[in-house]
Amino acid sequence: MHNTEATVYLSQFIGRPLRIHTSDGRVFGGQMKCTDKDRNIILALTYEYRAPSAEVIRKAVQESGNPSAPVNWNSRYVGLVVIPGAHVKKIEFEENILSGPPGGVVV
């Protein structure tokens, strides 16, 4: 893809909700503001999500007796963030993305 094509493609996501999966297992859901040639991404109105620990999952399974018991992700509001391009593993776009992880359309 040429630079012009890439610019046009990426510009459609400006101001739209994205979910960014990072190399350390965190997920950031927020509104895309911009990116650069190094794939750094700036998100606004962002929430950070962390998967529950193995201990929390084990306890939920034991308490419910259901091996596929739902367990909530830990979340916190972080506002405006810069996600280094080197740590971006997956980008998802979804209209209702700000409600939490995972799912969506991979970009």
PDB file of N, CA and C in Angstrom:
ATOM      1  N   MET A   1       0.849  -1.165   0.000  1.00  0.00           N
ATOM      2  CA  MET A   1       0.000   0.000   0.000  1.00  0.00           C
ATOM      3  C   MET A   1       0.896   1.230   0.000  1.00  0.00           C
ATOM      4  N   HIS A   2       0.621   2.159  -0.894  1.00  0.00           N
ATOM      5  CA  HIS A   2       1.406   3.394  -0.964  1.00  0.00           C
ATOM      6  C   HIS A   2       1.052   4.318   0.185  1.00  0.00           C
ATOM      7  N   ASN A   3       1.920   5.281   0.449  1.00  0.00           N
ATOM      8  CA  ASN A   3       1.727   6.211   1.554  1.00  0.00           C
ATOM      9  C   ASN A   3       0.384   6.929   1.455  1.00  0.00           C
ATOM     10  N   THR A   4       0.005   7.368   0.248  1.00  0.00           N
ATOM     11  CA  THR A   4      -1.262   8.075   0.064  1.00  0.00           C
ATOM     12  C   THR A   4      -2.440   7.168   0.387  1.00  0.00           C
ATOM     13  N   GLU A   5      -2.392   5.926  -0.069  1.00  0.00           N
ATOM     14  CA  GLU A   5      -3.467   4.972   0.214  1.00  0.00           C
ATOM     15  C   GLU A   5      -3.567   4.690   1.706  1.00  0.00           C
ATOM     16  N   ALA A   6      -2.426   4.534   2.358  1.00  0.00           N
ATOM     17  CA  ALA A   6      -2.411   4.272   3.796  1.00  0.00           C
ATOM     18  C   ALA A   6      -2.994   5.457   4.557  1.00  0.00           C
ATOM     19  N   THR A   7      -2.648   6.663   4.141  1.00  0.00           N
ATOM     20  CA  THR A   7      -3.157   7.865   4.795  1.00  0.00           C
ATOM     21  C   THR A   7      -4.671   7.954   4.670  1.00  0.00           C
ATOM     22  N   VAL A   8      -5.186   7.687   3.480  1.00  0.00           N
ATOM     23  CA  VAL A   8      -6.637   7.722   3.260  1.00  0.00           C
ATOM     24  C   VAL A   8      -7.314   6.646   4.097  1.00  0.00           C
ATOM     25  N   TYR A   9      -6.746   5.453   4.132  1.00  0.00           N
ATOM     26  CA  TYR A   9      -7.328   4.354   4.901  1.00  0.00           C
ATOM     27  C   TYR A   9      -7.374   4.689   6.392  1.00  0.00           C
ATOM     28  N   LEU A  10      -6.257   5.156   6.936  1.00  0.00           N
ATOM     29  CA  LEU A  10      -6.192   5.459   8.368  1.00  0.00           C
ATOM     30  C   LEU A  10      -7.050   6.656   8.751  1.00  0.00           C
ATOM     31  N   SER A  11      -7.220   7.615   7.856  1.00  0.00           N
ATOM     32  CA  SER A  11      -7.984   8.818   8.186  1.00  0.00           C
ATOM     33  C   SER A  11      -9.448   8.504   8.480  1.00  0.00           C
ATOM     34  N   GLN A  12      -9.964   7.399   7.969  1.00  0.00           N
ATOM     35  CA  GLN A  12     -11.351   7.041   8.253  1.00  0.00           C
ATOM     36  C   GLN A  12     -11.569   6.665   9.721  1.00  0.00           C
ATOM     37  N   PHE A  13     -10.505   6.351  10.452  1.00  0.00           N
ATOM     38  CA  PHE A  13     -10.618   5.954  11.852  1.00  0.00           C
ATOM     39  C   PHE A  13     -10.419   7.120  12.836  1.00  0.00           C
ATOM     40  N   ILE A  14     -10.017   8.281  12.341  1.00  0.00           N
ATOM     41  CA  ILE A  14      -9.834   9.444  13.209  1.00  0.00           C
ATOM     42  C   ILE A  14     -11.187   9.801  13.843  1.00  0.00           C
ATOM     43  N   GLY A  15     -11.193   9.937  15.162  1.00  0.00           N
ATOM     44  CA  GLY A  15     -12.415  10.272  15.883  1.00  0.00           C
ATOM     45  C   GLY A  15     -13.337   9.089  16.132  1.00  0.00           C
ATOM     46  N   ARG A  16     -12.952   7.917  15.679  1.00  0.00           N
ATOM     47  CA  ARG A  16     -13.782   6.720  15.830  1.00  0.00           C
ATOM     48  C   ARG A  16     -13.233   5.858  16.967  1.00  0.00           C
ATOM     49  N   PRO A  17     -14.092   5.042  17.579  1.00  0.00           N
ATOM     50  CA  PRO A  17     -13.640   4.196  18.689  1.00  0.00           C
ATOM     51  C   PRO A  17     -12.816   3.003  18.214  1.00  0.00           C
ATOM     52  N   LEU A  18     -11.686   2.798  18.863  1.00  0.00           N
ATOM     53  CA  LEU A  18     -10.804   1.662  18.571  1.00  0.00           C
ATOM     54  C   LEU A  18     -10.496   0.931  19.860  1.00  0.00           C
ATOM     55  N   ARG A  19     -10.130  -0.314  19.709  1.00  0.00           N
ATOM     56  CA  ARG A  19      -9.632  -1.110  20.832  1.00  0.00           C
ATOM     57  C   ARG A  19      -8.237  -1.583  20.419  1.00  0.00           C
ATOM     58  N   ILE A  20      -7.232  -1.247  21.220  1.00  0.00           N
ATOM     59  CA  ILE A  20      -5.839  -1.589  20.934  1.00  0.00           C
ATOM     60  C   ILE A  20      -5.372  -2.642  21.933  1.00  0.00           C
ATOM     61  N   HIS A  21      -4.909  -3.793  21.432  1.00  0.00           N
ATOM     62  CA  HIS A  21      -4.326  -4.844  22.267  1.00  0.00           C
ATOM     63  C   HIS A  21      -2.815  -4.638  22.246  1.00  0.00           C
ATOM     64  N   THR A  22      -2.192  -4.664  23.423  1.00  0.00           N
ATOM     65  CA  THR A  22      -0.752  -4.418  23.512  1.00  0.00           C
ATOM     66  C   THR A  22       0.018  -5.686  23.883  1.00  0.00           C
ATOM     67  N   SER A  23       1.320  -5.621  23.717  1.00  0.00           N
ATOM     68  CA  SER A  23       2.184  -6.783  23.930  1.00  0.00           C
ATOM     69  C   SER A  23       2.198  -7.270  25.375  1.00  0.00           C
ATOM     70  N   ASP A  24       1.832  -6.422  26.332  1.00  0.00           N
ATOM     71  CA  ASP A  24       1.820  -6.850  27.738  1.00  0.00           C
ATOM     72  C   ASP A  24       0.453  -7.367  28.185  1.00  0.00           C
ATOM     73  N   GLY A  25      -0.469  -7.550  27.239  1.00  0.00           N
ATOM     74  CA  GLY A  25      -1.771  -8.135  27.546  1.00  0.00           C
ATOM     75  C   GLY A  25      -2.860  -7.140  27.891  1.00  0.00           C
ATOM     76  N   ARG A  26      -2.517  -5.859  27.975  1.00  0.00           N
ATOM     77  CA  ARG A  26      -3.550  -4.857  28.257  1.00  0.00           C
ATOM     78  C   ARG A  26      -4.331  -4.537  26.989  1.00  0.00           C
ATOM     79  N   VAL A  27      -5.524  -3.993  27.185  1.00  0.00           N
ATOM     80  CA  VAL A  27      -6.372  -3.557  26.077  1.00  0.00           C
ATOM     81  C   VAL A  27      -6.790  -2.125  26.389  1.00  0.00           C
ATOM     82  N   PHE A  28      -6.660  -1.247  25.393  1.00  0.00           N
ATOM     83  CA  PHE A  28      -7.063   0.145  25.548  1.00  0.00           C
ATOM     84  C   PHE A  28      -8.210   0.421  24.593  1.00  0.00           C
ATOM     85  N   GLY A  29      -9.313   0.923  25.119  1.00  0.00           N
ATOM     86  CA  GLY A  29     -10.454   1.289  24.296  1.00  0.00           C
ATOM     87  C   GLY A  29     -10.675   2.775  24.378  1.00  0.00           C
ATOM     88  N   GLY A  30     -10.623   3.445  23.227  1.00  0.00           N
ATOM     89  CA  GLY A  30     -10.802   4.891  23.218  1.00  0.00           C
ATOM     90  C   GLY A  30     -10.997   5.418  21.817  1.00  0.00           C
ATOM     91  N   GLN A  31     -11.056   6.724  21.708  1.00  0.00           N
ATOM     92  CA  GLN A  31     -11.299   7.409  20.446  1.00  0.00           C
ATOM     93  C   GLN A  31      -9.967   7.779  19.794  1.00  0.00           C
ATOM     94  N   MET A  32      -9.744   7.297  18.565  1.00  0.00           N
ATOM     95  CA  MET A  32      -8.479   7.571  17.882  1.00  0.00           C
ATOM     96  C   MET A  32      -8.361   9.046  17.530  1.00  0.00           C
ATOM     97  N   LYS A  33      -7.216   9.621  17.889  1.00  0.00           N
ATOM     98  CA  LYS A  33      -6.931  11.013  17.558  1.00  0.00           C
ATOM     99  C   LYS A  33      -5.919  11.123  16.431  1.00  0.00           C
ATOM    100  N   CYS A  34      -4.849  10.311  16.478  1.00  0.00           N
ATOM    101  CA  CYS A  34      -3.860  10.355  15.401  1.00  0.00           C
ATOM    102  C   CYS A  34      -2.885   9.187  15.518  1.00  0.00           C
ATOM    103  N   THR A  35      -2.092   9.034  14.473  1.00  0.00           N
ATOM    104  CA  THR A  35      -1.012   8.053  14.444  1.00  0.00           C
ATOM    105  C   THR A  35       0.155   8.677  13.686  1.00  0.00           C
ATOM    106  N   ASP A  36       1.296   8.002  13.679  1.00  0.00           N
ATOM    107  CA  ASP A  36       2.456   8.514  12.948  1.00  0.00           C
ATOM    108  C   ASP A  36       3.140   7.380  12.195  1.00  0.00           C
ATOM    109  N   LYS A  37       4.257   7.696  11.566  1.00  0.00           N
ATOM    110  CA  LYS A  37       4.948   6.701  10.737  1.00  0.00           C
ATOM    111  C   LYS A  37       5.500   5.527  11.544  1.00  0.00           C
ATOM    112  N   ASP A  38       5.632   5.692  12.864  1.00  0.00           N
ATOM    113  CA  ASP A  38       6.132   4.618  13.726  1.00  0.00           C
ATOM    114  C   ASP A  38       5.001   3.801  14.341  1.00  0.00           C
ATOM    115  N   ARG A  39       3.773   4.036  13.888  1.00  0.00           N
ATOM    116  CA  ARG A  39       2.565   3.336  14.345  1.00  0.00           C
ATOM    117  C   ARG A  39       2.172   3.684  15.775  1.00  0.00           C
ATOM    118  N   ASN A  40       2.749   4.748  16.345  1.00  0.00           N
ATOM    119  CA  ASN A  40       2.285   5.218  17.651  1.00  0.00           C
ATOM    120  C   ASN A  40       0.855   5.700  17.464  1.00  0.00           C
ATOM    121  N   ILE A  41      -0.006   5.422  18.426  1.00  0.00           N
ATOM    122  CA  ILE A  41      -1.410   5.797  18.311  1.00  0.00           C
ATOM    123  C   ILE A  41      -1.812   6.604  19.548  1.00  0.00           C
ATOM    124  N   ILE A  42      -2.495   7.715  19.316  1.00  0.00           N
ATOM    125  CA  ILE A  42      -3.022   8.514  20.415  1.00  0.00           C
ATOM    126  C   ILE A  42      -4.525   8.269  20.489  1.00  0.00           C
ATOM    127  N   LEU A  43      -4.983   7.894  21.695  1.00  0.00           N
ATOM    128  CA  LEU A  43      -6.399   7.680  21.961  1.00  0.00           C
ATOM    129  C   LEU A  43      -6.860   8.666  23.030  1.00  0.00           C
ATOM    130  N   ALA A  44      -8.090   9.171  22.877  1.00  0.00           N
ATOM    131  CA  ALA A  44      -8.713  10.034  23.878  1.00  0.00           C
ATOM    132  C   ALA A  44      -9.879   9.289  24.512  1.00  0.00           C
ATOM    133  N   LEU A  45     -10.324   9.773  25.673  1.00  0.00           N
ATOM    134  CA  LEU A  45     -11.466   9.173  26.382  1.00  0.00           C
ATOM    135  C   LEU A  45     -11.249   7.671  26.564  1.00  0.00           C
ATOM    136  N   THR A  46     -10.065   7.304  26.994  1.00  0.00           N
ATOM    137  CA  THR A  46      -9.612   5.921  26.977  1.00  0.00           C
ATOM    138  C   THR A  46      -9.788   5.201  28.306  1.00  0.00           C
ATOM    139  N   TYR A  47     -10.169   3.930  28.193  1.00  0.00           N
ATOM    140  CA  TYR A  47     -10.201   3.018  29.334  1.00  0.00           C
ATOM    141  C   TYR A  47      -9.144   1.946  29.111  1.00  0.00           C
ATOM    142  N   GLU A  48      -8.450   1.594  30.174  1.00  0.00           N
ATOM    143  CA  GLU A  48      -7.466   0.510  30.141  1.00  0.00           C
ATOM    144  C   GLU A  48      -8.121  -0.716  30.782  1.00  0.00           C
ATOM    145  N   TYR A  49      -7.975  -1.859  30.125  1.00  0.00           N
ATOM    146  CA  TYR A  49      -8.531  -3.112  30.635  1.00  0.00           C
ATOM    147  C   TYR A  49      -7.404  -4.112  30.844  1.00  0.00           C
ATOM    148  N   ARG A  50      -7.496  -4.837  31.941  1.00  0.00           N
ATOM    149  CA  ARG A  50      -6.538  -5.908  32.240  1.00  0.00           C
ATOM    150  C   ARG A  50      -7.313  -7.177  32.509  1.00  0.00           C
ATOM    151  N   ALA A  51      -6.818  -8.274  31.961  1.00  0.00           N
ATOM    152  CA  ALA A  51      -7.458  -9.568  32.182  1.00  0.00           C
ATOM    153  C   ALA A  51      -7.336  -9.934  33.660  1.00  0.00           C
ATOM    154  N   PRO A  52      -8.322 -10.636  34.180  1.00  0.00           N
ATOM    155  CA  PRO A  52      -8.230 -11.058  35.583  1.00  0.00           C
ATOM    156  C   PRO A  52      -7.093 -12.059  35.769  1.00  0.00           C
ATOM    157  N   SER A  53      -6.557 -12.117  36.967  1.00  0.00           N
ATOM    158  CA  SER A  53      -5.464 -13.042  37.260  1.00  0.00           C
ATOM    159  C   SER A  53      -5.975 -14.481  37.238  1.00  0.00           C
ATOM    160  N   ALA A  54      -5.052 -15.415  37.124  1.00  0.00           N
ATOM    161  CA  ALA A  54      -5.408 -16.836  37.124  1.00  0.00           C
ATOM    162  C   ALA A  54      -6.103 -17.217  38.424  1.00  0.00           C
ATOM    163  N   GLU A  55      -5.695 -16.605  39.527  1.00  0.00           N
ATOM    164  CA  GLU A  55      -6.309 -16.883  40.833  1.00  0.00           C
ATOM    165  C   GLU A  55      -7.779 -16.451  40.853  1.00  0.00           C
ATOM    166  N   VAL A  56      -8.078 -15.281  40.305  1.00  0.00           N
ATOM    167  CA  VAL A  56      -9.454 -14.780  40.261  1.00  0.00           C
ATOM    168  C   VAL A  56     -10.314 -15.688  39.387  1.00  0.00           C
ATOM    169  N   ILE A  57      -9.771 -16.120  38.266  1.00  0.00           N
ATOM    170  CA  ILE A  57     -10.508 -17.019  37.362  1.00  0.00           C
ATOM    171  C   ILE A  57     -10.771 -18.354  38.055  1.00  0.00           C
ATOM    172  N   ARG A  58      -9.755 -18.900  38.690  1.00  0.00           N
ATOM    173  CA  ARG A  58      -9.904 -20.177  39.388  1.00  0.00           C
ATOM    174  C   ARG A  58     -10.966 -20.090  40.485  1.00  0.00           C
ATOM    175  N   LYS A  59     -10.949 -18.997  41.234  1.00  0.00           N
ATOM    176  CA  LYS A  59     -11.923 -18.811  42.309  1.00  0.00           C
ATOM    177  C   LYS A  59     -13.348 -18.706  41.747  1.00  0.00           C
ATOM    178  N   ALA A  60     -13.528 -17.984  40.640  1.00  0.00           N
ATOM    179  CA  ALA A  60     -14.852 -17.849  40.027  1.00  0.00           C
ATOM    180  C   ALA A  60     -15.371 -19.189  39.536  1.00  0.00           C
ATOM    181  N   VAL A  61     -14.490 -19.996  38.963  1.00  0.00           N
ATOM    182  CA  VAL A  61     -14.877 -21.325  38.482  1.00  0.00           C
ATOM    183  C   VAL A  61     -15.260 -22.221  39.651  1.00  0.00           C
ATOM    184  N   GLN A  62     -14.471 -22.185  40.720  1.00  0.00           N
ATOM    185  CA  GLN A  62     -14.765 -23.004  41.897  1.00  0.00           C
ATOM    186  C   GLN A  62     -16.095 -22.605  42.534  1.00  0.00           C
ATOM    187  N   GLU A  63     -16.334 -21.306  42.658  1.00  0.00           N
ATOM    188  CA  GLU A  63     -17.557 -20.832  43.303  1.00  0.00           C
ATOM    189  C   GLU A  63     -18.808 -21.130  42.491  1.00  0.00           C
ATOM    190  N   SER A  64     -18.696 -21.054  41.164  1.00  0.00           N
ATOM    191  CA  SER A  64     -19.871 -21.267  40.314  1.00  0.00           C
ATOM    192  C   SER A  64     -20.042 -22.723  39.890  1.00  0.00           C
ATOM    193  N   GLY A  65     -18.928 -23.478  39.897  1.00  0.00           N
ATOM    194  CA  GLY A  65     -18.984 -24.850  39.397  1.00  0.00           C
ATOM    195  C   GLY A  65     -19.065 -24.916  37.881  1.00  0.00           C
ATOM    196  N   ASN A  66     -18.923 -23.779  37.243  1.00  0.00           N
ATOM    197  CA  ASN A  66     -19.013 -23.677  35.784  1.00  0.00           C
ATOM    198  C   ASN A  66     -17.629 -23.364  35.219  1.00  0.00           C
ATOM    199  N   PRO A  67     -17.046 -24.269  34.394  1.00  0.00           N
ATOM    200  CA  PRO A  67     -15.697 -24.023  33.857  1.00  0.00           C
ATOM    201  C   PRO A  67     -15.624 -22.824  32.907  1.00  0.00           C
ATOM    202  N   SER A  68     -16.771 -22.366  32.435  1.00  0.00           N
ATOM    203  CA  SER A  68     -16.754 -21.185  31.564  1.00  0.00           C
ATOM    204  C   SER A  68     -17.451 -20.004  32.250  1.00  0.00           C
ATOM    205  N   ALA A  69     -17.277 -19.897  33.557  1.00  0.00           N
ATOM    206  CA  ALA A  69     -17.889 -18.809  34.335  1.00  0.00           C
ATOM    207  C   ALA A  69     -17.353 -17.462  33.861  1.00  0.00           C
ATOM    208  N   PRO A  70     -18.237 -16.474  33.670  1.00  0.00           N
ATOM    209  CA  PRO A  70     -17.766 -15.150  33.255  1.00  0.00           C
ATOM    210  C   PRO A  70     -17.024 -14.451  34.393  1.00  0.00           C
ATOM    211  N   VAL A  71     -15.940 -13.791  34.044  1.00  0.00           N
ATOM    212  CA  VAL A  71     -15.140 -13.050  35.013  1.00  0.00           C
ATOM    213  C   VAL A  71     -14.898 -11.660  34.434  1.00  0.00           C
ATOM    214  N   ASN A  72     -15.153 -10.629  35.239  1.00  0.00           N
ATOM    215  CA  ASN A  72     -14.972  -9.258  34.767  1.00  0.00           C
ATOM    216  C   ASN A  72     -13.503  -8.897  34.638  1.00  0.00           C
ATOM    217  N   TRP A  73     -13.208  -8.108  33.606  1.00  0.00           N
ATOM    218  CA  TRP A  73     -11.879  -7.551  33.447  1.00  0.00           C
ATOM    219  C   TRP A  73     -11.752  -6.369  34.393  1.00  0.00           C
ATOM    220  N   ASN A  74     -10.533  -6.099  34.857  1.00  0.00           N
ATOM    221  CA  ASN A  74     -10.263  -4.909  35.655  1.00  0.00           C
ATOM    222  C   ASN A  74     -10.155  -3.732  34.696  1.00  0.00           C
ATOM    223  N   SER A  75     -10.750  -2.600  35.060  1.00  0.00           N
ATOM    224  CA  SER A  75     -10.668  -1.450  34.162  1.00  0.00           C
ATOM    225  C   SER A  75     -10.458  -0.169  34.956  1.00  0.00           C
ATOM    226  N   ARG A  76      -9.923   0.827  34.244  1.00  0.00           N
ATOM    227  CA  ARG A  76      -9.780   2.160  34.830  1.00  0.00           C
ATOM    228  C   ARG A  76      -9.745   3.173  33.700  1.00  0.00           C
ATOM    229  N   TYR A  77     -10.227   4.357  33.988  1.00  0.00           N
ATOM    230  CA  TYR A  77     -10.217   5.441  33.018  1.00  0.00           C
ATOM    231  C   TYR A  77      -8.834   6.076  33.014  1.00  0.00           C
ATOM    232  N   VAL A  78      -8.224   6.201  31.836  1.00  0.00           N
ATOM    233  CA  VAL A  78      -6.889   6.791  31.745  1.00  0.00           C
ATOM    234  C   VAL A  78      -6.858   8.052  30.885  1.00  0.00           C
ATOM    235  N   GLY A  79      -7.955   8.384  30.219  1.00  0.00           N
ATOM    236  CA  GLY A  79      -8.033   9.631  29.458  1.00  0.00           C
ATOM    237  C   GLY A  79      -7.270   9.595  28.150  1.00  0.00           C
ATOM    238  N   LEU A  80      -6.338  10.533  27.975  1.00  0.00           N
ATOM    239  CA  LEU A  80      -5.550  10.662  26.748  1.00  0.00           C
ATOM    240  C   LEU A  80      -4.268   9.837  26.884  1.00  0.00           C
ATOM    241  N   VAL A  81      -4.039   8.906  25.973  1.00  0.00           N
ATOM    242  CA  VAL A  81      -2.850   8.049  26.055  1.00  0.00           C
ATOM    243  C   VAL A  81      -2.151   7.943  24.708  1.00  0.00           C
ATOM    244  N   VAL A  82      -0.859   7.707  24.768  1.00  0.00           N
ATOM    245  CA  VAL A  82      -0.060   7.384  23.586  1.00  0.00           C
ATOM    246  C   VAL A  82       0.347   5.928  23.730  1.00  0.00           C
ATOM    247  N   ILE A  83       0.003   5.128  22.735  1.00  0.00           N
ATOM    248  CA  ILE A  83       0.378   3.717  22.740  1.00  0.00           C
ATOM    249  C   ILE A  83       1.513   3.539  21.740  1.00  0.00           C
ATOM    250  N   PRO A  84       2.690   3.150  22.216  1.00  0.00           N
ATOM    251  CA  PRO A  84       3.833   2.990  21.307  1.00  0.00           C
ATOM    252  C   PRO A  84       3.555   1.915  20.250  1.00  0.00           C
ATOM    253  N   GLY A  85       3.840   2.246  19.006  1.00  0.00           N
ATOM    254  CA  GLY A  85       3.582   1.329  17.898  1.00  0.00           C
ATOM    255  C   GLY A  85       4.253  -0.014  18.055  1.00  0.00           C
ATOM    256  N   ALA A  86       5.419  -0.035  18.690  1.00  0.00           N
ATOM    257  CA  ALA A  86       6.143  -1.296  18.881  1.00  0.00           C
ATOM    258  C   ALA A  86       5.380  -2.264  19.775  1.00  0.00           C
ATOM    259  N   HIS A  87       4.446  -1.763  20.570  1.00  0.00           N
ATOM    260  CA  HIS A  87       3.700  -2.615  21.505  1.00  0.00           C
ATOM    261  C   HIS A  87       2.291  -2.952  21.029  1.00  0.00           C
ATOM    262  N   VAL A  88       1.892  -2.430  19.864  1.00  0.00           N
ATOM    263  CA  VAL A  88       0.556  -2.712  19.329  1.00  0.00           C
ATOM    264  C   VAL A  88       0.551  -4.106  18.707  1.00  0.00           C
ATOM    265  N   LYS A  89      -0.333  -4.968  19.220  1.00  0.00           N
ATOM    266  CA  LYS A  89      -0.457  -6.329  18.695  1.00  0.00           C
ATOM    267  C   LYS A  89      -1.672  -6.481  17.796  1.00  0.00           C
ATOM    268  N   LYS A  90      -2.760  -5.792  18.145  1.00  0.00           N
ATOM    269  CA  LYS A  90      -3.981  -5.906  17.362  1.00  0.00           C
ATOM    270  C   LYS A  90      -4.796  -4.641  17.551  1.00  0.00           C
ATOM    271  N   ILE A  91      -5.469  -4.208  16.472  1.00  0.00           N
ATOM    272  CA  ILE A  91      -6.354  -3.046  16.519  1.00  0.00           C
ATOM    273  C   ILE A  91      -7.735  -3.507  16.088  1.00  0.00           C
ATOM    274  N   GLU A  92      -8.747  -3.143  16.885  1.00  0.00           N
ATOM    275  CA  GLU A  92     -10.125  -3.493  16.556  1.00  0.00           C
ATOM    276  C   GLU A  92     -10.954  -2.223  16.450  1.00  0.00           C
ATOM    277  N   PHE A  93     -11.896  -2.240  15.525  1.00  0.00           N
ATOM    278  CA  PHE A  93     -12.838  -1.135  15.371  1.00  0.00           C
ATOM    279  C   PHE A  93     -14.238  -1.673  15.595  1.00  0.00           C
ATOM    280  N   GLU A  94     -15.006  -0.947  16.397  1.00  0.00           N
ATOM    281  CA  GLU A  94     -16.378  -1.355  16.663  1.00  0.00           C
ATOM    282  C   GLU A  94     -17.163  -0.143  17.124  1.00  0.00           C
ATOM    283  N   GLU A  95     -18.401  -0.017  16.676  1.00  0.00           N
ATOM    284  CA  GLU A  95     -19.219   1.128  17.063  1.00  0.00           C
ATOM    285  C   GLU A  95     -19.432   1.201  18.563  1.00  0.00           C
ATOM    286  N   ASN A  96     -19.666   0.077  19.226  1.00  0.00           N
ATOM    287  CA  ASN A  96     -19.944   0.069  20.666  1.00  0.00           C
ATOM    288  C   ASN A  96     -18.717  -0.325  21.476  1.00  0.00           C
ATOM    289  N   ILE A  97     -17.553   0.040  21.022  1.00  0.00           N
ATOM    290  CA  ILE A  97     -16.304  -0.440  21.597  1.00  0.00           C
ATOM    291  C   ILE A  97     -16.033   0.076  23.013  1.00  0.00           C
ATOM    292  N   LEU A  98     -16.541   1.230  23.365  1.00  0.00           N
ATOM    293  CA  LEU A  98     -16.188   1.805  24.648  1.00  0.00           C
ATOM    294  C   LEU A  98     -16.849   1.086  25.815  1.00  0.00           C
ATOM    295  N   SER A  99     -17.629   0.044  25.510  1.00  0.00           N
ATOM    296  CA  SER A  99     -18.270  -0.701  26.584  1.00  0.00           C
ATOM    297  C   SER A  99     -17.356  -1.767  27.180  1.00  0.00           C
ATOM    298  N   GLY A 100     -16.195  -2.033  26.572  1.00  0.00           N
ATOM    299  CA  GLY A 100     -15.258  -2.973  27.151  1.00  0.00           C
ATOM    300  C   GLY A 100     -14.704  -3.970  26.175  1.00  0.00           C
ATOM    301  N   PRO A 101     -13.709  -4.763  26.583  1.00  0.00           N
ATOM    302  CA  PRO A 101     -13.077  -5.744  25.717  1.00  0.00           C
ATOM    303  C   PRO A 101     -13.832  -7.037  25.740  1.00  0.00           C
ATOM    304  N   PRO A 102     -13.409  -8.015  25.066  1.00  0.00           N
ATOM    305  CA  PRO A 102     -12.802  -8.102  23.750  1.00  0.00           C
ATOM    306  C   PRO A 102     -13.856  -8.209  22.651  1.00  0.00           C
ATOM    307  N   GLY A 103     -13.469  -8.473  21.436  1.00  0.00           N
ATOM    308  CA  GLY A 103     -14.397  -8.546  20.306  1.00  0.00           C
ATOM    309  C   GLY A 103     -14.081  -7.458  19.318  1.00  0.00           C
ATOM    310  N   GLY A 104     -14.899  -7.295  18.310  1.00  0.00           N
ATOM    311  CA  GLY A 104     -14.706  -6.223  17.343  1.00  0.00           C
ATOM    312  C   GLY A 104     -14.175  -6.707  16.026  1.00  0.00           C
ATOM    313  N   VAL A 105     -13.918  -5.747  15.165  1.00  0.00           N
ATOM    314  CA  VAL A 105     -13.411  -6.017  13.832  1.00  0.00           C
ATOM    315  C   VAL A 105     -11.925  -5.685  13.828  1.00  0.00           C
ATOM    316  N   VAL A 106     -11.102  -6.594  13.383  1.00  0.00           N
ATOM    317  CA  VAL A 106      -9.658  -6.374  13.360  1.00  0.00           C
ATOM    318  C   VAL A 106      -9.311  -5.448  12.199  1.00  0.00           C
ATOM    319  N   VAL A 107      -8.494  -4.431  12.494  1.00  0.00           N
ATOM    320  CA  VAL A 107      -8.054  -3.469  11.476  1.00  0.00           C
ATOM    321  C   VAL A 107      -6.665  -3.843  11.037  1.00  0.00           C
TER     322      VAL A 107
END
